[in-house]
């Protein structure tokens, strides 16, 4: 499900750009960020038989209009909202309707043909880990290295002796002092976002 989650997240980045004026970035495998602040997270769960997927659930939590004063002190420095990034409160009904439409459209496209080339292209624009030193914790194993994007199955690539790429579930954290991520350019005025998503509620992450 790595590739499906990334595909949804990338589409979501494109969609949210039209609401906030600038696209969020993705922290592999399922977190949405503006700079160093988390704005949301995704979760994909599936029941898979030997030859097909029986059930698929895609969940999304988004910080939309939460005022800065509402954040607990320990979370405030690491969280943001769409309203904060946009500079004004957002219409929840409009946002939710757009999200549902994009999620369904992206799901249909993924079922028709896994969009490997498009995932690779969009990932290069929204990957906040690329070129940064990260620590990967997977089970009892821990590895530190420089993030090098994703492979064609959506695994996070970090050069290491055992294997070049990491599959989920894994916890990825940025090393202290790692350079700040590249800031995505502002969304062009009048442009139409490609896109995706599911429910608009406040998510503290």
Protein backbone atom coordinates (compact mmCIF):
# COMPACT_ATOMS: atom_id res chain seq x y z
CA UNK A 1 0.00 0.00 0.00
CA UNK A 2 3.06 2.30 0.02
CA UNK A 3 2.48 3.55 -3.49
CA UNK A 4 -1.26 4.09 -2.98
CA UNK A 5 -0.71 6.20 0.14
CA UNK A 6 1.96 8.29 -1.59
CA UNK A 7 -0.29 8.76 -4.62
CA UNK A 8 -3.10 10.02 -2.43
CA UNK A 9 -0.77 12.28 -0.49
CA UNK A 10 0.76 13.79 -3.61
CA UNK A 11 -2.63 14.51 -5.09
CA UNK A 12 -3.65 16.04 -1.78
CA UNK A 13 -0.64 18.35 -1.84
CA UNK A 14 -1.71 19.58 -5.26
CA UNK A 15 -5.30 20.10 -4.15
CA UNK A 16 -4.48 21.92 -0.92
CA UNK A 17 -2.31 24.37 -2.85
CA UNK A 18 -5.47 25.85 -4.31
CA UNK A 19 -6.84 26.49 -0.79
CA UNK A 20 -3.70 27.68 1.04
CA UNK A 21 -1.85 29.32 -1.85
CA UNK A 22 1.17 27.05 -1.44
CA UNK A 23 1.42 23.26 -1.56
CA UNK A 24 2.39 21.28 1.55
CA UNK A 25 5.22 18.78 1.42
CA UNK A 26 5.20 15.07 2.24
CA UNK A 27 7.26 13.37 4.93
CA UNK A 28 7.47 9.70 4.01
CA UNK A 29 5.34 7.74 4.34
CA UNK A 30 2.17 9.60 5.36
CA UNK A 31 2.60 13.04 6.94
CA UNK A 32 1.82 16.45 5.43
CA UNK A 33 4.00 19.42 6.36
CA UNK A 34 4.43 23.12 5.76
CA UNK A 35 8.10 23.70 6.42
CA UNK A 36 8.85 22.15 9.81
CA UNK A 37 5.20 22.12 10.95
CA UNK A 38 2.80 19.24 10.52
CA UNK A 39 -0.61 20.02 9.01
CA UNK A 40 -2.03 16.52 8.66
CA UNK A 41 -1.55 12.80 8.31
CA UNK A 42 -2.89 9.86 6.33
CA UNK A 43 -3.50 6.19 7.04
CA UNK A 44 -4.23 3.39 4.58
CA UNK A 45 -5.40 -0.03 5.74
CA UNK A 46 -6.32 -2.98 3.54
CA UNK A 47 -7.50 -6.57 3.80
CA UNK A 48 -5.68 -8.48 1.11
CA UNK A 49 -6.18 -12.05 -0.08
CA UNK A 50 -3.62 -13.94 -2.12
CA UNK A 51 -4.59 -12.36 -5.43
CA UNK A 52 -6.69 -9.26 -4.69
CA UNK A 53 -7.58 -6.53 -2.20
CA UNK A 54 -10.88 -7.22 -0.44
CA UNK A 55 -11.23 -3.96 1.51
CA UNK A 56 -9.39 -0.65 1.45
CA UNK A 57 -9.73 2.25 3.89
CA UNK A 58 -8.00 5.61 3.39
CA UNK A 59 -8.11 7.99 6.36
CA UNK A 60 -7.03 11.60 6.60
CA UNK A 61 -6.65 14.06 9.47
CA UNK A 62 -6.16 17.76 8.68
CA UNK A 63 -5.63 20.83 10.82
CA UNK A 64 -7.95 23.31 9.17
CA UNK A 65 -9.10 26.28 11.26
CA UNK A 66 -7.71 25.56 14.72
CA UNK A 67 -6.52 28.84 16.34
CA UNK A 68 -2.89 28.97 17.49
CA UNK A 69 -4.06 29.49 21.08
CA UNK A 70 -5.80 26.09 21.08
CA UNK A 71 -2.62 24.03 20.67
CA UNK A 72 -1.08 22.36 23.74
CA UNK A 73 2.27 23.96 24.57
CA UNK A 74 4.26 20.87 23.56
CA UNK A 75 2.57 20.68 20.15
CA UNK A 76 2.36 24.36 19.19
CA UNK A 77 5.93 24.71 17.78
CA UNK A 78 5.42 21.67 15.53
CA UNK A 79 1.89 22.16 14.22
CA UNK A 80 0.20 24.41 11.68
CA UNK A 81 -3.18 24.74 9.98
CA UNK A 82 -4.43 25.40 6.49
CA UNK A 83 -5.94 28.65 7.75
CA UNK A 84 -2.60 29.81 9.09
CA UNK A 85 -0.85 29.05 5.81
CA UNK A 86 -3.63 30.65 3.76
CA UNK A 87 -3.87 33.70 6.00
CA UNK A 88 -7.63 33.31 6.51
CA UNK A 89 -10.19 30.72 7.74
CA UNK A 90 -11.34 28.15 5.21
CA UNK A 91 -14.87 27.06 4.34
CA UNK A 92 -15.06 23.52 5.73
CA UNK A 93 -17.95 22.48 3.46
CA UNK A 94 -16.13 23.60 0.34
CA UNK A 95 -12.89 21.98 1.45
CA UNK A 96 -14.60 18.68 2.37
CA UNK A 97 -16.47 18.52 -0.95
CA UNK A 98 -13.27 19.15 -2.90
CA UNK A 99 -11.40 16.54 -0.90
CA UNK A 100 -14.02 13.83 -1.43
CA UNK A 101 -14.13 14.51 -5.16
CA UNK A 102 -10.36 14.36 -5.49
CA UNK A 103 -10.05 11.20 -3.45
CA UNK A 104 -12.55 9.36 -5.60
CA UNK A 105 -10.93 10.59 -8.82
CA UNK A 106 -7.45 9.61 -7.65
CA UNK A 107 -8.69 6.20 -6.50
CA UNK A 108 -10.20 5.51 -9.92
CA UNK A 109 -6.99 6.55 -11.66
CA UNK A 110 -4.92 4.31 -9.41
CA UNK A 111 -7.16 1.32 -10.10
CA UNK A 112 -7.04 1.91 -13.83
CA UNK A 113 -3.24 2.06 -13.90
CA UNK A 114 -0.70 2.63 -11.14
CA UNK A 115 0.70 6.08 -12.10
CA UNK A 116 4.38 5.30 -11.46
CA UNK A 117 5.80 8.07 -13.65
CA UNK A 118 3.50 10.71 -12.19
CA UNK A 119 4.27 9.62 -8.62
CA UNK A 120 8.00 9.97 -9.30
CA UNK A 121 7.52 13.40 -10.87
CA UNK A 122 5.29 14.76 -8.09
CA UNK A 123 7.47 13.25 -5.35
CA UNK A 124 10.43 15.29 -6.56
CA UNK A 125 8.37 18.44 -5.92
CA UNK A 126 6.90 17.55 -2.53
CA UNK A 127 9.49 15.34 -0.78
CA UNK A 128 10.63 17.19 2.37
CA UNK A 129 13.23 14.55 3.27
CA UNK A 130 15.29 14.54 0.06
CA UNK A 131 18.97 15.20 0.74
CA UNK A 132 18.44 15.46 4.51
CA UNK A 133 19.98 13.24 7.19
CA UNK A 134 17.31 11.03 8.72
CA UNK A 135 17.04 8.23 11.23
CA UNK A 136 14.94 5.20 10.30
CA UNK A 137 13.62 2.91 13.04
CA UNK A 138 12.17 -0.37 11.80
CA UNK A 139 11.48 -3.01 14.42
CA UNK A 140 14.64 -3.29 16.52
CA UNK A 141 16.88 -1.90 13.78
CA UNK A 142 17.96 1.75 13.55
CA UNK A 143 19.83 3.36 10.66
CA UNK A 144 20.94 6.91 9.92
CA UNK A 145 21.63 8.17 6.41
CA UNK A 146 20.76 10.66 3.70
CA UNK A 147 17.26 10.33 2.21
CA UNK A 148 17.39 9.69 -1.55
CA UNK A 149 13.74 9.76 -2.58
CA UNK A 150 11.64 6.65 -3.24
CA UNK A 151 11.87 3.56 -5.43
CA UNK A 152 9.22 2.40 -7.90
CA UNK A 153 7.24 0.68 -5.13
CA UNK A 154 7.12 3.74 -2.89
CA UNK A 155 9.82 2.65 -0.43
CA UNK A 156 12.03 5.32 1.16
CA UNK A 157 15.59 5.11 -0.18
CA UNK A 158 18.38 5.52 2.38
CA UNK A 159 21.78 4.03 1.48
CA UNK A 160 22.61 1.38 4.08
CA UNK A 161 24.49 -1.94 4.18
CA UNK A 162 21.47 -4.25 4.50
CA UNK A 163 19.21 -2.82 1.79
CA UNK A 164 18.98 0.48 -0.10
CA UNK A 165 15.30 1.14 0.63
CA UNK A 166 12.96 1.01 3.62
CA UNK A 167 9.40 -0.30 3.55
CA UNK A 168 6.60 0.74 5.90
CA UNK A 169 5.88 0.31 8.75
CA UNK A 170 8.88 2.34 9.81
CA UNK A 171 9.41 5.51 11.81
CA UNK A 172 11.45 8.22 10.13
CA UNK A 173 12.79 11.25 12.00
CA UNK A 174 14.97 14.14 10.86
CA UNK A 175 18.38 14.43 12.47
CA UNK A 176 18.93 17.61 14.46
CA UNK A 177 20.71 20.23 12.37
CA UNK A 178 19.64 18.73 9.04
CA UNK A 179 19.12 21.48 6.43
CA UNK A 180 15.57 22.80 6.09
CA UNK A 181 13.50 21.34 3.25
CA UNK A 182 13.00 23.09 -0.06
CA UNK A 183 9.91 25.31 0.11
CA UNK A 184 7.39 24.54 -2.65
CA UNK A 185 6.65 27.52 -4.91
CA UNK A 186 3.36 29.42 -4.47
CA UNK A 187 0.40 27.95 -6.34
CA UNK A 188 -0.05 29.89 -9.62
CA UNK A 189 -3.02 32.24 -9.62
CA UNK A 190 -5.89 30.86 -11.68
CA UNK A 191 -4.33 27.41 -12.03
CA UNK A 192 -6.27 24.20 -11.43
CA UNK A 193 -4.93 21.65 -8.97
CA UNK A 194 -4.69 17.99 -9.79
CA UNK A 195 -5.81 16.12 -6.79
CA UNK A 196 -7.06 13.92 -3.99
CA UNK A 197 -8.47 13.40 -0.49
CA UNK A 198 -11.00 12.27 2.19
CA UNK A 199 -12.31 14.09 5.29
CA UNK A 200 -11.68 17.55 6.62
CA UNK A 201 -11.43 17.60 10.38
CA UNK A 202 -8.97 19.06 12.84
CA UNK A 203 -5.96 16.81 13.40
CA UNK A 204 -3.29 17.51 15.97
CA UNK A 205 -0.79 14.96 14.64
